[in-house]
Amino acid sequence: MLIRIVRMEFEPEKVSDFLKLFEGVKGKIATFPGCKHLELCQDAKHAHVYYTFSKWEGEEYLEEYRNSSFFADTWSKTKVLFGGKPLAYSLQSGE
């Protein structure tokens, strides 16, 4: 099992735009082949920082998602809202 954590810092005035965008795409991400879990979390101290936490059956499934036109479209709409560079982490899980 692969765990993917992505930290995203947004311009404070663009957080609502991101949340609206995420609401519209989360169902498709969560049902993408190989995705077992998807969660959006807000930083406890910084209201404009969010994390996605997802679990994938394996790295190949995450890469298939990341190489999809759906991801390219969603990411292009998300990255214009950033106030800082996103950080992504991939972790192996024993599950």
C-alpha atoms as a PDB file:
ATOM      1  CA  MET A   1       0.000   0.000   0.000  1.00  0.00           C
ATOM      2  CA  LEU A   2       1.300   3.451  -0.921  1.00  0.00           C
ATOM      3  CA  ILE A   3       0.355   6.483   1.159  1.00  0.00           C
ATOM      4  CA  ARG A   4       0.537   9.858  -0.547  1.00  0.00           C
ATOM      5  CA  ILE A   5       0.522  13.099   1.425  1.00  0.00           C
ATOM      6  CA  VAL A   6       0.466  16.417  -0.422  1.00  0.00           C
ATOM      7  CA  ARG A   7       0.852  19.697   1.467  1.00  0.00           C
ATOM      8  CA  MET A   8      -0.648  22.695  -0.302  1.00  0.00           C
ATOM      9  CA  GLU A   9      -0.368  26.308   0.843  1.00  0.00           C
ATOM     10  CA  PHE A  10      -2.933  28.612  -0.728  1.00  0.00           C
ATOM     11  CA  GLU A  11      -3.306  32.347  -1.003  1.00  0.00           C
ATOM     12  CA  PRO A  12      -5.693  32.987   1.926  1.00  0.00           C
ATOM     13  CA  GLU A  13      -8.271  34.661  -0.306  1.00  0.00           C
ATOM     14  CA  LYS A  14      -8.252  31.658  -2.676  1.00  0.00           C
ATOM     15  CA  VAL A  15      -8.994  28.931  -0.107  1.00  0.00           C
ATOM     16  CA  SER A  16     -12.729  28.975  -0.863  1.00  0.00           C
ATOM     17  CA  ASP A  17     -11.949  28.535  -4.586  1.00  0.00           C
ATOM     18  CA  PHE A  18      -9.852  25.488  -3.766  1.00  0.00           C
ATOM     19  CA  LEU A  19     -12.498  23.977  -1.501  1.00  0.00           C
ATOM     20  CA  LYS A  20     -15.124  24.405  -4.224  1.00  0.00           C
ATOM     21  CA  LEU A  21     -12.794  22.788  -6.777  1.00  0.00           C
ATOM     22  CA  PHE A  22     -11.949  19.895  -4.444  1.00  0.00           C
ATOM     23  CA  GLU A  23     -15.623  19.260  -3.700  1.00  0.00           C
ATOM     24  CA  GLY A  24     -16.222  18.870  -7.425  1.00  0.00           C
ATOM     25  CA  VAL A  25     -13.375  16.406  -8.059  1.00  0.00           C
ATOM     26  CA  LYS A  26     -13.003  14.380  -4.857  1.00  0.00           C
ATOM     27  CA  GLY A  27     -15.477  11.695  -5.943  1.00  0.00           C
ATOM     28  CA  LYS A  28     -13.621  11.039  -9.178  1.00  0.00           C
ATOM     29  CA  ILE A  29     -10.250  10.922  -7.401  1.00  0.00           C
ATOM     30  CA  ALA A  30     -11.583   8.565  -4.716  1.00  0.00           C
ATOM     31  CA  THR A  31     -12.946   6.166  -7.344  1.00  0.00           C
ATOM     32  CA  PHE A  32      -9.900   6.276  -9.606  1.00  0.00           C
ATOM     33  CA  PRO A  33      -8.539   2.739 -10.130  1.00  0.00           C
ATOM     34  CA  GLY A  34      -6.243   1.810  -7.250  1.00  0.00           C
ATOM     35  CA  CYS A  35      -7.320   4.602  -4.893  1.00  0.00           C
ATOM     36  CA  LYS A  36      -8.422   3.079  -1.597  1.00  0.00           C
ATOM     37  CA  HIS A  37      -8.840   6.245   0.490  1.00  0.00           C
ATOM     38  CA  LEU A  38      -8.873  10.019   0.029  1.00  0.00           C
ATOM     39  CA  GLU A  39      -9.059  12.639   2.745  1.00  0.00           C
ATOM     40  CA  LEU A  40      -8.605  16.410   2.852  1.00  0.00           C
ATOM     41  CA  CYS A  41      -7.242  17.893   6.082  1.00  0.00           C
ATOM     42  CA  GLN A  42      -6.718  21.497   7.147  1.00  0.00           C
ATOM     43  CA  ASP A  43      -3.604  22.476   9.057  1.00  0.00           C
ATOM     44  CA  ALA A  44      -4.384  22.999  12.742  1.00  0.00           C
ATOM     45  CA  LYS A  45      -2.495  26.301  12.951  1.00  0.00           C
ATOM     46  CA  HIS A  46      -2.579  27.706   9.407  1.00  0.00           C
ATOM     47  CA  ALA A  47      -6.067  27.993   7.914  1.00  0.00           C
ATOM     48  CA  HIS A  48      -4.713  28.428   4.366  1.00  0.00           C
ATOM     49  CA  VAL A  49      -2.712  25.166   4.402  1.00  0.00           C
ATOM     50  CA  TYR A  50      -4.330  21.871   3.415  1.00  0.00           C
ATOM     51  CA  TYR A  51      -3.149  18.304   3.035  1.00  0.00           C
ATOM     52  CA  THR A  52      -4.494  15.493   0.938  1.00  0.00           C
ATOM     53  CA  PHE A  53      -3.988  12.047   2.409  1.00  0.00           C
ATOM     54  CA  SER A  54      -4.588   9.174   0.020  1.00  0.00           C
ATOM     55  CA  LYS A  55      -3.920   5.443  -0.058  1.00  0.00           C
ATOM     56  CA  TRP A  56      -3.155   3.612  -3.285  1.00  0.00           C
ATOM     57  CA  GLU A  57      -2.871  -0.103  -4.019  1.00  0.00           C
ATOM     58  CA  GLY A  58       0.616   0.580  -5.371  1.00  0.00           C
ATOM     59  CA  GLU A  59       2.862   3.217  -6.931  1.00  0.00           C
ATOM     60  CA  GLU A  60       1.777   2.194 -10.425  1.00  0.00           C
ATOM     61  CA  TYR A  61      -1.817   3.238  -9.646  1.00  0.00           C
ATOM     62  CA  LEU A  62      -0.715   6.621  -8.316  1.00  0.00           C
ATOM     63  CA  GLU A  63       1.423   7.149 -11.421  1.00  0.00           C
ATOM     64  CA  GLU A  64      -1.490   6.213 -13.689  1.00  0.00           C
ATOM     65  CA  TYR A  65      -3.591   8.826 -11.903  1.00  0.00           C
ATOM     66  CA  ARG A  66      -0.815  11.449 -12.054  1.00  0.00           C
ATOM     67  CA  ASN A  67      -0.393  10.840 -15.796  1.00  0.00           C
ATOM     68  CA  SER A  68      -4.116  11.125 -16.529  1.00  0.00           C
ATOM     69  CA  SER A  69      -5.722  14.054 -18.352  1.00  0.00           C
ATOM     70  CA  PHE A  70      -8.080  14.375 -15.366  1.00  0.00           C
ATOM     71  CA  PHE A  71      -5.131  15.025 -13.025  1.00  0.00           C
ATOM     72  CA  ALA A  72      -3.514  17.458 -15.486  1.00  0.00           C
ATOM     73  CA  ASP A  73      -6.737  19.459 -15.717  1.00  0.00           C
ATOM     74  CA  THR A  74      -7.361  19.434 -11.952  1.00  0.00           C
ATOM     75  CA  TRP A  75      -3.758  20.297 -11.073  1.00  0.00           C
ATOM     76  CA  SER A  76      -3.672  23.202 -13.550  1.00  0.00           C
ATOM     77  CA  LYS A  77      -6.738  24.685 -11.824  1.00  0.00           C
ATOM     78  CA  THR A  78      -5.290  24.059  -8.354  1.00  0.00           C
ATOM     79  CA  LYS A  79      -1.760  25.372  -8.780  1.00  0.00           C
ATOM     80  CA  VAL A  80      -2.894  28.890  -9.747  1.00  0.00           C
ATOM     81  CA  LEU A  81      -4.362  29.162  -6.232  1.00  0.00           C
ATOM     82  CA  PHE A  82      -1.088  28.387  -4.421  1.00  0.00           C
ATOM     83  CA  GLY A  83       0.674  30.822  -2.135  1.00  0.00           C
ATOM     84  CA  GLY A  84       3.674  28.537  -1.688  1.00  0.00           C
ATOM     85  CA  LYS A  85       5.308  25.528  -3.253  1.00  0.00           C
ATOM     86  CA  PRO A  86       3.427  22.252  -2.694  1.00  0.00           C
ATOM     87  CA  LEU A  87       5.242  19.342  -1.060  1.00  0.00           C
ATOM     88  CA  ALA A  88       4.455  15.698  -1.767  1.00  0.00           C
ATOM     89  CA  TYR A  89       5.476  12.587   0.143  1.00  0.00           C
ATOM     90  CA  SER A  90       5.053   8.939  -0.819  1.00  0.00           C
ATOM     91  CA  LEU A  91       5.266   6.377   1.988  1.00  0.00           C
ATOM     92  CA  GLN A  92       5.151   2.587   1.959  1.00  0.00           C
ATOM     93  CA  SER A  93       2.677   0.973   4.291  1.00  0.00           C
ATOM     94  CA  GLY A  94       2.638  -2.624   5.476  1.00  0.00           C
ATOM     95  CA  GLU A  95      -1.125  -2.927   4.896  1.00  0.00           C
END
